[in-house]
C-alpha atoms as a PDB file:
ATOM      1  CA  UNK A   1    -175.949   2.320  60.796  1.00  0.00           C
ATOM      2  CA  UNK A   2    -172.937   2.763  63.091  1.00  0.00           C
ATOM      3  CA  UNK A   3    -175.218   4.089  65.837  1.00  0.00           C
ATOM      4  CA  UNK A   4    -177.400   0.973  65.602  1.00  0.00           C
ATOM      5  CA  UNK A   5    -174.326  -1.258  65.682  1.00  0.00           C
ATOM      6  CA  UNK A   6    -173.094   0.551  68.814  1.00  0.00           C
ATOM      7  CA  UNK A   7    -176.362  -0.346  70.556  1.00  0.00           C
ATOM      8  CA  UNK A   8    -176.771  -3.920  69.354  1.00  0.00           C
ATOM      9  CA  UNK A   9    -173.168  -5.132  69.483  1.00  0.00           C
ATOM     10  CA  UNK A  10    -172.955  -5.263  73.326  1.00  0.00           C
ATOM     11  CA  UNK A  11    -176.001  -7.562  73.307  1.00  0.00           C
ATOM     12  CA  UNK A  12    -174.271 -10.043  71.003  1.00  0.00           C
ATOM     13  CA  UNK A  13    -171.013  -9.739  72.938  1.00  0.00           C
ATOM     14  CA  UNK A  14    -172.683 -10.672  76.242  1.00  0.00           C
ATOM     15  CA  UNK A  15    -174.348 -13.697  74.615  1.00  0.00           C
ATOM     16  CA  UNK A  16    -170.977 -14.671  73.133  1.00  0.00           C
ATOM     17  CA  UNK A  17    -169.336 -14.309  76.557  1.00  0.00           C
ATOM     18  CA  UNK A  18    -171.881 -16.705  78.070  1.00  0.00           C
ATOM     19  CA  UNK A  19    -171.297 -19.184  75.251  1.00  0.00           C
ATOM     20  CA  UNK A  20    -167.498 -19.041  75.545  1.00  0.00           C
ATOM     21  CA  UNK A  21    -167.511 -19.236  79.350  1.00  0.00           C
ATOM     22  CA  UNK A  22    -169.670 -22.362  79.237  1.00  0.00           C
ATOM     23  CA  UNK A  23    -167.872 -23.903  76.283  1.00  0.00           C
ATOM     24  CA  UNK A  24    -164.479 -23.456  78.011  1.00  0.00           C
ATOM     25  CA  UNK A  25    -165.733 -25.013  81.251  1.00  0.00           C
ATOM     26  CA  UNK A  26    -165.740 -21.905  83.440  1.00  0.00           C
ATOM     27  CA  UNK A  27    -169.453 -22.616  83.986  1.00  0.00           C
ATOM     28  CA  UNK A  28    -171.491 -25.757  83.446  1.00  0.00           C
ATOM     29  CA  UNK A  29    -174.495 -25.673  81.164  1.00  0.00           C
ATOM     30  CA  UNK A  30    -176.592 -26.621  84.216  1.00  0.00           C
ATOM     31  CA  UNK A  31    -175.427 -23.413  85.902  1.00  0.00           C
ATOM     32  CA  UNK A  32    -177.337 -21.421  83.299  1.00  0.00           C
ATOM     33  CA  UNK A  33    -180.604 -22.764  84.727  1.00  0.00           C
ATOM     34  CA  UNK A  34    -179.638 -21.304  88.123  1.00  0.00           C
ATOM     35  CA  UNK A  35    -178.894 -17.938  86.535  1.00  0.00           C
ATOM     36  CA  UNK A  36    -182.233 -18.192  84.762  1.00  0.00           C
ATOM     37  CA  UNK A  37    -184.078 -18.750  88.031  1.00  0.00           C
ATOM     38  CA  UNK A  38    -182.434 -15.656  89.524  1.00  0.00           C
ATOM     39  CA  UNK A  39    -183.514 -13.539  86.551  1.00  0.00           C
ATOM     40  CA  UNK A  40    -187.033 -14.945  86.503  1.00  0.00           C
ATOM     41  CA  UNK A  41    -187.687 -14.774  90.246  1.00  0.00           C
ATOM     42  CA  UNK A  42    -185.834 -11.600  91.283  1.00  0.00           C
ATOM     43  CA  UNK A  43    -184.143  -9.460  88.634  1.00  0.00           C
ATOM     44  CA  UNK A  44    -186.877  -9.236  85.995  1.00  0.00           C
ATOM     45  CA  UNK A  45    -189.725  -8.691  88.506  1.00  0.00           C
ATOM     46  CA  UNK A  46    -187.656  -5.844  89.968  1.00  0.00           C
ATOM     47  CA  UNK A  47    -187.312  -4.288  86.499  1.00  0.00           C
ATOM     48  CA  UNK A  48    -191.062  -4.518  85.841  1.00  0.00           C
ATOM     49  CA  UNK A  49    -191.957  -3.141  89.269  1.00  0.00           C
ATOM     50  CA  UNK A  50    -189.523  -0.272  88.782  1.00  0.00           C
ATOM     51  CA  UNK A  51    -190.949   0.639  85.359  1.00  0.00           C
ATOM     52  CA  UNK A  52    -194.526   0.823  86.682  1.00  0.00           C
ATOM     53  CA  UNK A  53    -194.144   2.107  90.240  1.00  0.00           C
ATOM     54  CA  UNK A  54    -192.140   5.215  89.281  1.00  0.00           C
ATOM     55  CA  UNK A  55    -194.625   6.475  86.675  1.00  0.00           C
ATOM     56  CA  UNK A  56    -198.013   8.062  87.207  1.00  0.00           C
ATOM     57  CA  UNK A  57    -200.782   5.980  85.720  1.00  0.00           C
ATOM     58  CA  UNK A  58    -201.844   8.891  83.508  1.00  0.00           C
ATOM     59  CA  UNK A  59    -198.420   8.823  81.817  1.00  0.00           C
ATOM     60  CA  UNK A  60    -199.102   5.420  80.308  1.00  0.00           C
ATOM     61  CA  UNK A  61    -202.738   5.766  79.296  1.00  0.00           C
ATOM     62  CA  UNK A  62    -202.700   6.109  75.492  1.00  0.00           C
ATOM     63  CA  UNK A  63    -205.784   4.169  74.314  1.00  0.00           C
ATOM     64  CA  UNK A  64    -204.851   4.020  70.628  1.00  0.00           C
ATOM     65  CA  UNK A  65    -201.374   2.664  71.354  1.00  0.00           C
ATOM     66  CA  UNK A  66    -202.755   0.127  73.811  1.00  0.00           C
ATOM     67  CA  UNK A  67    -205.463  -1.065  71.415  1.00  0.00           C
ATOM     68  CA  UNK A  68    -203.175  -1.220  68.385  1.00  0.00           C
ATOM     69  CA  UNK A  69    -200.247  -2.949  70.056  1.00  0.00           C
ATOM     70  CA  UNK A  70    -202.361  -5.350  72.112  1.00  0.00           C
ATOM     71  CA  UNK A  71    -204.597  -6.167  69.142  1.00  0.00           C
ATOM     72  CA  UNK A  72    -201.623  -6.756  66.848  1.00  0.00           C
ATOM     73  CA  UNK A  73    -199.888  -8.926  69.456  1.00  0.00           C
ATOM     74  CA  UNK A  74    -203.012 -11.025  70.013  1.00  0.00           C
ATOM     75  CA  UNK A  75    -203.460 -11.397  66.250  1.00  0.00           C
ATOM     76  CA  UNK A  76    -199.849 -12.531  65.805  1.00  0.00           C
ATOM     77  CA  UNK A  77    -200.052 -14.889  68.796  1.00  0.00           C
ATOM     78  CA  UNK A  78    -203.342 -16.496  67.705  1.00  0.00           C
ATOM     79  CA  UNK A  79    -202.173 -16.962  64.127  1.00  0.00           C
ATOM     80  CA  UNK A  80    -198.912 -18.568  65.255  1.00  0.00           C
ATOM     81  CA  UNK A  81    -200.689 -20.853  67.739  1.00  0.00           C
ATOM     82  CA  UNK A  82    -203.158 -22.077  65.110  1.00  0.00           C
ATOM     83  CA  UNK A  83    -200.351 -22.637  62.600  1.00  0.00           C
ATOM     84  CA  UNK A  84    -198.513 -24.730  65.169  1.00  0.00           C
ATOM     85  CA  UNK A  85    -201.574 -26.795  66.050  1.00  0.00           C
ATOM     86  CA  UNK A  86    -203.262 -27.200  62.659  1.00  0.00           C
ATOM     87  CA  UNK A  87    -200.463 -27.056  60.079  1.00  0.00           C
ATOM     88  CA  UNK A  88    -197.439 -28.341  62.028  1.00  0.00           C
ATOM     89  CA  UNK A  89    -199.294 -30.796  64.262  1.00  0.00           C
ATOM     90  CA  UNK A  90    -197.453 -29.638  67.395  1.00  0.00           C
ATOM     91  CA  UNK A  91    -198.783 -30.122  70.924  1.00  0.00           C
ATOM     92  CA  UNK A  92    -200.306 -27.257  72.881  1.00  0.00           C
ATOM     93  CA  UNK A  93    -197.128 -26.446  74.830  1.00  0.00           C
ATOM     94  CA  UNK A  94    -194.936 -26.078  71.753  1.00  0.00           C
ATOM     95  CA  UNK A  95    -197.640 -24.109  69.921  1.00  0.00           C
ATOM     96  CA  UNK A  96    -197.954 -21.798  72.931  1.00  0.00           C
ATOM     97  CA  UNK A  97    -194.241 -21.019  72.852  1.00  0.00           C
ATOM     98  CA  UNK A  98    -194.485 -20.465  69.104  1.00  0.00           C
ATOM     99  CA  UNK A  99    -197.134 -17.844  69.859  1.00  0.00           C
ATOM    100  CA  UNK A 100    -194.977 -16.342  72.612  1.00  0.00           C
ATOM    101  CA  UNK A 101    -191.950 -16.088  70.326  1.00  0.00           C
ATOM    102  CA  UNK A 102    -193.949 -14.294  67.640  1.00  0.00           C
ATOM    103  CA  UNK A 103    -195.871 -11.861  69.857  1.00  0.00           C
ATOM    104  CA  UNK A 104    -193.631 -10.810  72.814  1.00  0.00           C
ATOM    105  CA  UNK A 105    -190.849  -8.295  72.139  1.00  0.00           C
ATOM    106  CA  UNK A 106    -187.644  -7.463  73.967  1.00  0.00           C
ATOM    107  CA  UNK A 107    -188.894  -3.989  74.843  1.00  0.00           C
ATOM    108  CA  UNK A 108    -186.567  -3.195  77.736  1.00  0.00           C
ATOM    109  CA  UNK A 109    -183.092  -4.271  76.635  1.00  0.00           C
ATOM    110  CA  UNK A 110    -183.232  -3.771  72.862  1.00  0.00           C
ATOM    111  CA  UNK A 111    -186.375  -1.774  72.120  1.00  0.00           C
ATOM    112  CA  UNK A 112    -185.849   1.129  74.510  1.00  0.00           C
ATOM    113  CA  UNK A 113    -182.256   1.977  73.404  1.00  0.00           C
ATOM    114  CA  UNK A 114    -183.294   1.901  69.743  1.00  0.00           C
ATOM    115  CA  UNK A 115    -186.300   4.126  70.430  1.00  0.00           C
ATOM    116  CA  UNK A 116    -183.936   6.613  72.049  1.00  0.00           C
ATOM    117  CA  UNK A 117    -182.247   6.926  68.652  1.00  0.00           C
ATOM    118  CA  UNK A 118    -185.441   7.209  66.623  1.00  0.00           C
ATOM    119  CA  UNK A 119    -188.164   8.776  68.791  1.00  0.00           C
ATOM    120  CA  UNK A 120    -186.464   9.919  71.997  1.00  0.00           C
ATOM    121  CA  UNK A 121    -189.312  12.145  73.354  1.00  0.00           C
ATOM    122  CA  UNK A 122    -191.763   9.198  73.554  1.00  0.00           C
ATOM    123  CA  UNK A 123    -189.311   6.360  74.267  1.00  0.00           C
ATOM    124  CA  UNK A 124    -190.079   6.208  77.990  1.00  0.00           C
ATOM    125  CA  UNK A 125    -193.835   6.312  77.438  1.00  0.00           C
ATOM    126  CA  UNK A 126    -193.659   3.551  74.835  1.00  0.00           C
ATOM    127  CA  UNK A 127    -191.606   1.389  77.185  1.00  0.00           C
ATOM    128  CA  UNK A 128    -194.137   1.828  79.997  1.00  0.00           C
ATOM    129  CA  UNK A 129    -197.016   0.963  77.655  1.00  0.00           C
ATOM    130  CA  UNK A 130    -195.239  -2.154  76.455  1.00  0.00           C
ATOM    131  CA  UNK A 131    -194.496  -3.229  80.015  1.00  0.00           C
ATOM    132  CA  UNK A 132    -198.218  -3.007  80.753  1.00  0.00           C
ATOM    133  CA  UNK A 133    -199.295  -4.908  77.642  1.00  0.00           C
ATOM    134  CA  UNK A 134    -196.658  -7.624  77.703  1.00  0.00           C
ATOM    135  CA  UNK A 135    -196.437  -8.246  81.427  1.00  0.00           C
ATOM    136  CA  UNK A 136    -200.005  -7.592  82.532  1.00  0.00           C
ATOM    137  CA  UNK A 137    -201.795  -9.235  79.595  1.00  0.00           C
ATOM    138  CA  UNK A 138    -199.650 -11.140  77.084  1.00  0.00           C
ATOM    139  CA  UNK A 139    -197.289 -13.052  79.382  1.00  0.00           C
ATOM    140  CA  UNK A 140    -199.952 -14.059  81.949  1.00  0.00           C
ATOM    141  CA  UNK A 141    -202.190 -15.245  79.100  1.00  0.00           C
ATOM    142  CA  UNK A 142    -199.393 -17.270  77.500  1.00  0.00           C
ATOM    143  CA  UNK A 143    -198.249 -18.689  80.845  1.00  0.00           C
ATOM    144  CA  UNK A 144    -201.851 -19.692  81.567  1.00  0.00           C
ATOM    145  CA  UNK A 145    -201.984 -21.504  78.209  1.00  0.00           C
ATOM    146  CA  UNK A 146    -198.679 -23.233  78.969  1.00  0.00           C
ATOM    147  CA  UNK A 147    -199.842 -24.251  82.430  1.00  0.00           C
ATOM    148  CA  UNK A 148    -203.118 -25.532  81.016  1.00  0.00           C
ATOM    149  CA  UNK A 149    -201.237 -27.607  78.431  1.00  0.00           C
ATOM    150  CA  UNK A 150    -199.098 -29.062  81.219  1.00  0.00           C
ATOM    151  CA  UNK A 151    -202.131 -29.946  83.355  1.00  0.00           C
ATOM    152  CA  UNK A 152    -202.466 -33.457  84.687  1.00  0.00           C
ATOM    153  CA  UNK A 153    -205.896 -34.077  83.290  1.00  0.00           C
ATOM    154  CA  UNK A 154    -209.220 -33.305  84.947  1.00  0.00           C
ATOM    155  CA  UNK A 155    -211.984 -30.986  83.880  1.00  0.00           C
ATOM    156  CA  UNK A 156    -211.289 -27.608  82.347  1.00  0.00           C
ATOM    157  CA  UNK A 157    -212.434 -25.977  85.597  1.00  0.00           C
ATOM    158  CA  UNK A 158    -209.745 -27.882  87.499  1.00  0.00           C
ATOM    159  CA  UNK A 159    -207.109 -26.994  84.912  1.00  0.00           C
ATOM    160  CA  UNK A 160    -208.164 -23.322  85.036  1.00  0.00           C
ATOM    161  CA  UNK A 161    -208.026 -23.314  88.822  1.00  0.00           C
ATOM    162  CA  UNK A 162    -204.534 -24.873  88.831  1.00  0.00           C
ATOM    163  CA  UNK A 163    -203.349 -22.356  86.237  1.00  0.00           C
ATOM    164  CA  UNK A 164    -204.697 -19.390  88.214  1.00  0.00           C
ATOM    165  CA  UNK A 165    -203.108 -20.652  91.425  1.00  0.00           C
ATOM    166  CA  UNK A 166    -199.715 -20.975  89.709  1.00  0.00           C
ATOM    167  CA  UNK A 167    -200.093 -17.559  88.089  1.00  0.00           C
ATOM    168  CA  UNK A 168    -200.976 -16.000  91.444  1.00  0.00           C
ATOM    169  CA  UNK A 169    -197.547 -17.099  92.690  1.00  0.00           C
ATOM    170  CA  UNK A 170    -195.703 -16.113  89.504  1.00  0.00           C
ATOM    171  CA  UNK A 171    -193.101 -13.406  90.316  1.00  0.00           C
ATOM    172  CA  UNK A 172    -193.785 -11.550  87.041  1.00  0.00           C
ATOM    173  CA  UNK A 173    -197.506 -11.286  87.764  1.00  0.00           C
ATOM    174  CA  UNK A 174    -196.847 -10.256  91.357  1.00  0.00           C
ATOM    175  CA  UNK A 175    -194.431  -7.548  90.171  1.00  0.00           C
ATOM    176  CA  UNK A 176    -196.985  -6.117  87.731  1.00  0.00           C
ATOM    177  CA  UNK A 177    -199.706  -6.088  90.415  1.00  0.00           C
ATOM    178  CA  UNK A 178    -197.452  -4.403  92.973  1.00  0.00           C
ATOM    179  CA  UNK A 179    -196.160  -1.841  90.482  1.00  0.00           C
ATOM    180  CA  UNK A 180    -199.657  -0.852  89.366  1.00  0.00           C
ATOM    181  CA  UNK A 181    -200.826  -0.600  92.973  1.00  0.00           C
ATOM    182  CA  UNK A 182    -197.973   1.778  93.844  1.00  0.00           C
ATOM    183  CA  UNK A 183    -198.608   3.805  90.682  1.00  0.00           C
ATOM    184  CA  UNK A 184    -202.342   4.148  91.355  1.00  0.00           C
ATOM    185  CA  UNK A 185    -201.769   5.043  95.010  1.00  0.00           C
ATOM    186  CA  UNK A 186    -199.152   7.640  93.998  1.00  0.00           C
ATOM    187  CA  UNK A 187    -196.870   6.484  96.808  1.00  0.00           C
ATOM    188  CA  UNK A 188    -193.284   7.735  96.851  1.00  0.00           C
ATOM    189  CA  UNK A 189    -191.152   4.792  97.900  1.00  0.00           C
ATOM    190  CA  UNK A 190    -188.174   5.446 100.208  1.00  0.00           C
ATOM    191  CA  UNK A 191    -184.859   5.874  98.439  1.00  0.00           C
ATOM    192  CA  UNK A 192    -183.264   2.795 100.068  1.00  0.00           C
ATOM    193  CA  UNK A 193    -186.116   0.675  98.686  1.00  0.00           C
ATOM    194  CA  UNK A 194    -185.792   2.160  95.205  1.00  0.00           C
ATOM    195  CA  UNK A 195    -182.038   1.665  95.143  1.00  0.00           C
ATOM    196  CA  UNK A 196    -182.398  -1.933  96.251  1.00  0.00           C
ATOM    197  CA  UNK A 197    -184.952  -2.617  93.525  1.00  0.00           C
ATOM    198  CA  UNK A 198    -182.701  -0.898  90.978  1.00  0.00           C
ATOM    199  CA  UNK A 199    -179.777  -3.125  91.925  1.00  0.00           C
ATOM    200  CA  UNK A 200    -181.805  -6.233  91.128  1.00  0.00           C
ATOM    201  CA  UNK A 201    -183.309  -4.666  87.996  1.00  0.00           C
ATOM    202  CA  UNK A 202    -179.912  -3.762  86.576  1.00  0.00           C
ATOM    203  CA  UNK A 203    -178.805  -7.398  86.843  1.00  0.00           C
ATOM    204  CA  UNK A 204    -181.596  -8.721  84.634  1.00  0.00           C
ATOM    205  CA  UNK A 205    -180.326  -7.660  81.200  1.00  0.00           C
ATOM    206  CA  UNK A 206    -176.730  -8.820  81.320  1.00  0.00           C
ATOM    207  CA  UNK A 207    -177.353 -11.991  83.319  1.00  0.00           C
ATOM    208  CA  UNK A 208    -180.264 -13.163  81.158  1.00  0.00           C
ATOM    209  CA  UNK A 209    -178.232 -12.639  77.971  1.00  0.00           C
ATOM    210  CA  UNK A 210    -175.237 -14.403  79.561  1.00  0.00           C
ATOM    211  CA  UNK A 211    -177.461 -17.354  80.501  1.00  0.00           C
ATOM    212  CA  UNK A 212    -178.844 -17.492  76.964  1.00  0.00           C
ATOM    213  CA  UNK A 213    -175.305 -17.754  75.597  1.00  0.00           C
ATOM    214  CA  UNK A 214    -174.561 -20.644  77.961  1.00  0.00           C
ATOM    215  CA  UNK A 215    -177.729 -22.453  76.912  1.00  0.00           C
ATOM    216  CA  UNK A 216    -176.553 -22.410  73.303  1.00  0.00           C
ATOM    217  CA  UNK A 217    -173.589 -24.703  74.087  1.00  0.00           C
ATOM    218  CA  UNK A 218    -174.181 -28.122  72.592  1.00  0.00           C
ATOM    219  CA  UNK A 219    -177.252 -27.148  70.584  1.00  0.00           C
ATOM    220  CA  UNK A 220    -177.500 -28.596  67.042  1.00  0.00           C
ATOM    221  CA  UNK A 221    -178.055 -25.161  65.491  1.00  0.00           C
ATOM    222  CA  UNK A 222    -177.384 -26.222  61.920  1.00  0.00           C
ATOM    223  CA  UNK A 223    -179.744 -29.159  62.154  1.00  0.00           C
ATOM    224  CA  UNK A 224    -182.652 -27.223  63.640  1.00  0.00           C
ATOM    225  CA  UNK A 225    -182.536 -23.808  62.038  1.00  0.00           C
ATOM    226  CA  UNK A 226    -185.169 -24.662  59.399  1.00  0.00           C
ATOM    227  CA  UNK A 227    -187.758 -25.247  62.129  1.00  0.00           C
ATOM    228  CA  UNK A 228    -187.254 -21.872  63.784  1.00  0.00           C
ATOM    229  CA  UNK A 229    -186.990 -19.667  60.683  1.00  0.00           C
ATOM    230  CA  UNK A 230    -190.818 -19.279  60.491  1.00  0.00           C
ATOM    231  CA  UNK A 231    -190.824 -18.065  64.109  1.00  0.00           C
ATOM    232  CA  UNK A 232    -188.081 -15.544  63.322  1.00  0.00           C
ATOM    233  CA  UNK A 233    -189.943 -14.231  60.277  1.00  0.00           C
ATOM    234  CA  UNK A 234    -193.200 -14.137  62.215  1.00  0.00           C
ATOM    235  CA  UNK A 235    -191.612 -12.036  64.962  1.00  0.00           C
ATOM    236  CA  UNK A 236    -189.543  -9.611  62.900  1.00  0.00           C
ATOM    237  CA  UNK A 237    -191.988  -9.142  60.006  1.00  0.00           C
ATOM    238  CA  UNK A 238    -195.370 -10.595  60.979  1.00  0.00           C
ATOM    239  CA  UNK A 239    -195.718  -8.932  64.368  1.00  0.00           C
ATOM    240  CA  UNK A 240    -195.097  -5.341  63.190  1.00  0.00           C
ATOM    241  CA  UNK A 241    -197.382  -5.921  60.181  1.00  0.00           C
ATOM    242  CA  UNK A 242    -200.117  -7.155  62.545  1.00  0.00           C
ATOM    243  CA  UNK A 243    -199.716  -4.042  64.713  1.00  0.00           C
ATOM    244  CA  UNK A 244    -199.829  -1.847  61.603  1.00  0.00           C
ATOM    245  CA  UNK A 245    -203.019  -3.584  60.433  1.00  0.00           C
ATOM    246  CA  UNK A 246    -204.799  -3.137  63.766  1.00  0.00           C
ATOM    247  CA  UNK A 247    -203.563   0.460  64.044  1.00  0.00           C
ATOM    248  CA  UNK A 248    -205.023   1.215  60.610  1.00  0.00           C
ATOM    249  CA  UNK A 249    -208.372  -0.307  61.605  1.00  0.00           C
ATOM    250  CA  UNK A 250    -208.459   1.502  64.956  1.00  0.00           C
ATOM    251  CA  UNK A 251    -207.685   4.824  63.252  1.00  0.00           C
ATOM    252  CA  UNK A 252    -210.367   4.214  60.615  1.00  0.00           C
ATOM    253  CA  UNK A 253    -212.922   3.591  63.368  1.00  0.00           C
ATOM    254  CA  UNK A 254    -212.329   7.099  64.681  1.00  0.00           C
ATOM    255  CA  UNK A 255    -210.457   6.295  67.896  1.00  0.00           C
ATOM    256  CA  UNK A 256    -208.266   9.148  69.149  1.00  0.00           C
ATOM    257  CA  UNK A 257    -205.399   9.677  66.665  1.00  0.00           C
ATOM    258  CA  UNK A 258    -201.852   8.897  67.750  1.00  0.00           C
ATOM    259  CA  UNK A 259    -198.934  11.233  67.195  1.00  0.00           C
ATOM    260  CA  UNK A 260    -196.466  10.079  64.502  1.00  0.00           C
ATOM    261  CA  UNK A 261    -193.598   9.445  66.922  1.00  0.00           C
ATOM    262  CA  UNK A 262    -195.708   7.200  69.140  1.00  0.00           C
ATOM    263  CA  UNK A 263    -197.007   5.419  66.041  1.00  0.00           C
ATOM    264  CA  UNK A 264    -193.432   4.761  64.927  1.00  0.00           C
ATOM    265  CA  UNK A 265    -192.563   3.564  68.442  1.00  0.00           C
ATOM    266  CA  UNK A 266    -195.359   0.981  68.352  1.00  0.00           C
ATOM    267  CA  UNK A 267    -194.155  -0.447  65.034  1.00  0.00           C
ATOM    268  CA  UNK A 268    -190.513  -0.509  66.124  1.00  0.00           C
ATOM    269  CA  UNK A 269    -191.337  -2.219  69.419  1.00  0.00           C
ATOM    270  CA  UNK A 270    -193.194  -4.929  67.511  1.00  0.00           C
ATOM    271  CA  UNK A 271    -190.211  -5.366  65.177  1.00  0.00           C
ATOM    272  CA  UNK A 272    -187.805  -6.189  68.031  1.00  0.00           C
ATOM    273  CA  UNK A 273    -186.567  -9.733  68.700  1.00  0.00           C
ATOM    274  CA  UNK A 274    -188.491 -11.773  71.230  1.00  0.00           C
ATOM    275  CA  UNK A 275    -187.926 -11.132  74.925  1.00  0.00           C
ATOM    276  CA  UNK A 276    -184.510 -12.201  76.215  1.00  0.00           C
ATOM    277  CA  UNK A 277    -185.991 -14.528  78.850  1.00  0.00           C
ATOM    278  CA  UNK A 278    -187.761 -16.548  76.159  1.00  0.00           C
ATOM    279  CA  UNK A 279    -185.492 -19.603  76.697  1.00  0.00           C
ATOM    280  CA  UNK A 280    -185.597 -19.098  80.459  1.00  0.00           C
ATOM    281  CA  UNK A 281    -189.394 -19.260  80.455  1.00  0.00           C
ATOM    282  CA  UNK A 282    -189.193 -22.253  78.144  1.00  0.00           C
ATOM    283  CA  UNK A 283    -186.911 -24.281  80.396  1.00  0.00           C
ATOM    284  CA  UNK A 284    -189.791 -25.075  82.773  1.00  0.00           C
ATOM    285  CA  UNK A 285    -191.783 -26.568  79.886  1.00  0.00           C
ATOM    286  CA  UNK A 286    -189.066 -28.457  78.011  1.00  0.00           C
ATOM    287  CA  UNK A 287    -188.684 -25.765  75.338  1.00  0.00           C
ATOM    288  CA  UNK A 288    -185.383 -24.171  76.423  1.00  0.00           C
ATOM    289  CA  UNK A 289    -183.186 -25.518  73.611  1.00  0.00           C
ATOM    290  CA  UNK A 290    -185.565 -24.686  70.777  1.00  0.00           C
ATOM    291  CA  UNK A 291    -186.312 -21.268  72.291  1.00  0.00           C
ATOM    292  CA  UNK A 292    -182.597 -20.441  72.654  1.00  0.00           C
ATOM    293  CA  UNK A 293    -181.932 -21.388  69.029  1.00  0.00           C
ATOM    294  CA  UNK A 294    -184.858 -19.244  67.901  1.00  0.00           C
ATOM    295  CA  UNK A 295    -183.675 -16.276  69.942  1.00  0.00           C
ATOM    296  CA  UNK A 296    -180.139 -16.508  68.590  1.00  0.00           C
ATOM    297  CA  UNK A 297    -181.250 -16.490  64.947  1.00  0.00           C
ATOM    298  CA  UNK A 298    -183.808 -13.777  65.664  1.00  0.00           C
ATOM    299  CA  UNK A 299    -181.217 -11.492  67.236  1.00  0.00           C
ATOM    300  CA  UNK A 300    -178.851 -11.908  64.296  1.00  0.00           C
ATOM    301  CA  UNK A 301    -181.569 -11.381  61.693  1.00  0.00           C
ATOM    302  CA  UNK A 302    -183.029  -8.401  63.569  1.00  0.00           C
ATOM    303  CA  UNK A 303    -180.001  -6.275  62.737  1.00  0.00           C
ATOM    304  CA  UNK A 304    -181.056  -6.321  59.081  1.00  0.00           C
ATOM    305  CA  UNK A 305    -184.835  -6.194  59.541  1.00  0.00           C
ATOM    306  CA  UNK A 306    -184.669  -3.380  62.102  1.00  0.00           C
ATOM    307  CA  UNK A 307    -182.487  -1.348  59.763  1.00  0.00           C
ATOM    308  CA  UNK A 308    -185.126  -1.812  57.056  1.00  0.00           C
ATOM    309  CA  UNK A 309    -188.003  -0.797  59.361  1.00  0.00           C
ATOM    310  CA  UNK A 310    -186.121   2.268  60.587  1.00  0.00           C
ATOM    311  CA  UNK A 311    -185.352   3.301  57.002  1.00  0.00           C
ATOM    312  CA  UNK A 312    -189.041   2.964  56.026  1.00  0.00           C
ATOM    313  CA  UNK A 313    -190.254   4.880  59.068  1.00  0.00           C
ATOM    314  CA  UNK A 314    -187.882   7.730  58.352  1.00  0.00           C
END
């Protein structure tokens, strides 16, 4: 338990620092949007590119993991989206971000350090697989849904074309494409290039968490927590259960078995809080405040749920 606290406590402390700095007037709440743009357009794409470009493509090809985690994420996302649309009566944008919150994990900044404690030999492989699934498939799909919901009318072909054009310029999608191209070509990038990319990548974790803390200033957390509790439960409990269900089905169908440590890594990755840029992505669609509140409660609750999942997996 103390080892887990040593990993998670810095995350909460950085968020708290952002909150206190904004609350005391050192930064304005509007400044957090500028920090968010830096993370979204430079720091996070550098992290994704770095994770893909420096690994051989064969190191991340584990079909059972890919099928189980992708299938479970799609199941969780679809269920959450339909709940938002049919049961809650929300519009497509809000339902899309409900699906994003439930199905996209914070693999890099929370998941990877925890995997180092539990399943160290496969932690790097699991991180690379999650980067592929979340950034090549899940995030582009969810951003396409969000862009489609924000469309200014027209036929579905026009909306699809507008969404694809925006996605083609999205820094996250460009980073995934470039990273995969370098990995497939087996090109060794010059050290000055790698060090430059690393400098940007290292800024993504702390700055995104700091910006999240600043976004929390002025939010009516007590008044809105009931609305985000289902998202928190869906992410911390529903997502790993969905991955476990799909993994069981895939194994029963006779797909190549997965070693126990990699199986545990898949379940733990799904049990992480949602990605730390969740509110930053939401700010372009009017969902920043709700997303920040959801992330805060999810991070606090994850300390208890992750401890339970780790105990069960042991």
